[in-house]
Amino acid sequence: MIIPIDNCPDVDTDDLSSEERHIIQKLLCWKLIVNSVDHFREKTALSLATGWNNSGPVSASKGLTLVIEQMERELLMRLQEEKGQKDA
């Protein structure tokens, strides 16, 4: 899967470890349901610490870091849009 990154080259998940791809799967879900960037960061930290199927800590590669940062930007946009809809 190719993940588009703002102002950077896209990230190909084939270049990431299986553990990193699993973390991305978890975070894609969390990005849709958390109500703050801080909560998303907590889930990110927990996912990195827990690893894949409780396999242990995962060090984020540059590619995974770019994906996480992109997800945070997208989450922030979602939260701002939802706030705007509530204010309207």
Foldseek 3Di string as FASTA:
>chain_A
DWADFPPDHIFDCVPPDPQLVVLLVVLVVVLVDDQALVVSVVSSVVSQQCTDPSPGHDDDDPNSVRSSVRSSVVSVVVNVVVVVVVVD
